[in-house]
Amino acid sequence: MVFRAEHDTTFGDWHSGPQWKICLAFNPHPARLGDDVLYFFFTSNIAVYRENPVLFADFLEFPRAAYDFIKVPTALDFRRLRTAPFIKLRAHGLGHVGHLSDDDVQRCEHAAGIARVLPPRDKKRLGLR
């Protein structure tokens, strides 16, 4: 599931002002109210990946308009698994944005599985190891 939620300093490692982020939920099973949601950020700042070949394995790029929620070339960043309680995301405006195709879900699973920076413990949490 692709969702949006506002992130702010209450999200631990978030150090800038509030910002709406588009995210891909990556839980092995659908999250329920008492669960944590495991997710990755989408980002339109793709120059950092294109200019640093060492990061190539840590992202998956989507062209503009690949999905209704992708307005500009966008990357899914697999360097860091984000975790937040479902209820907290709801309090921060959690909204369903869409779904990826089965092929793109498989591409994401593969990309997360080979991401160089994503720790093995996180890959295990996602059922990728």
Foldseek 3Di string as FASTA:
>chain_A
DKKKFWDACVQPVHDDHIDIWIWDFQALDDDDQADKTKIWTKAPPCVVCVVDVVQVLQKDWDAAPSDPVRHHIIITGLLDIGIDRPNVRVVRPIDDDDDDDPVVVVVVLNSNLRGPNYDPVVCVSSVSD
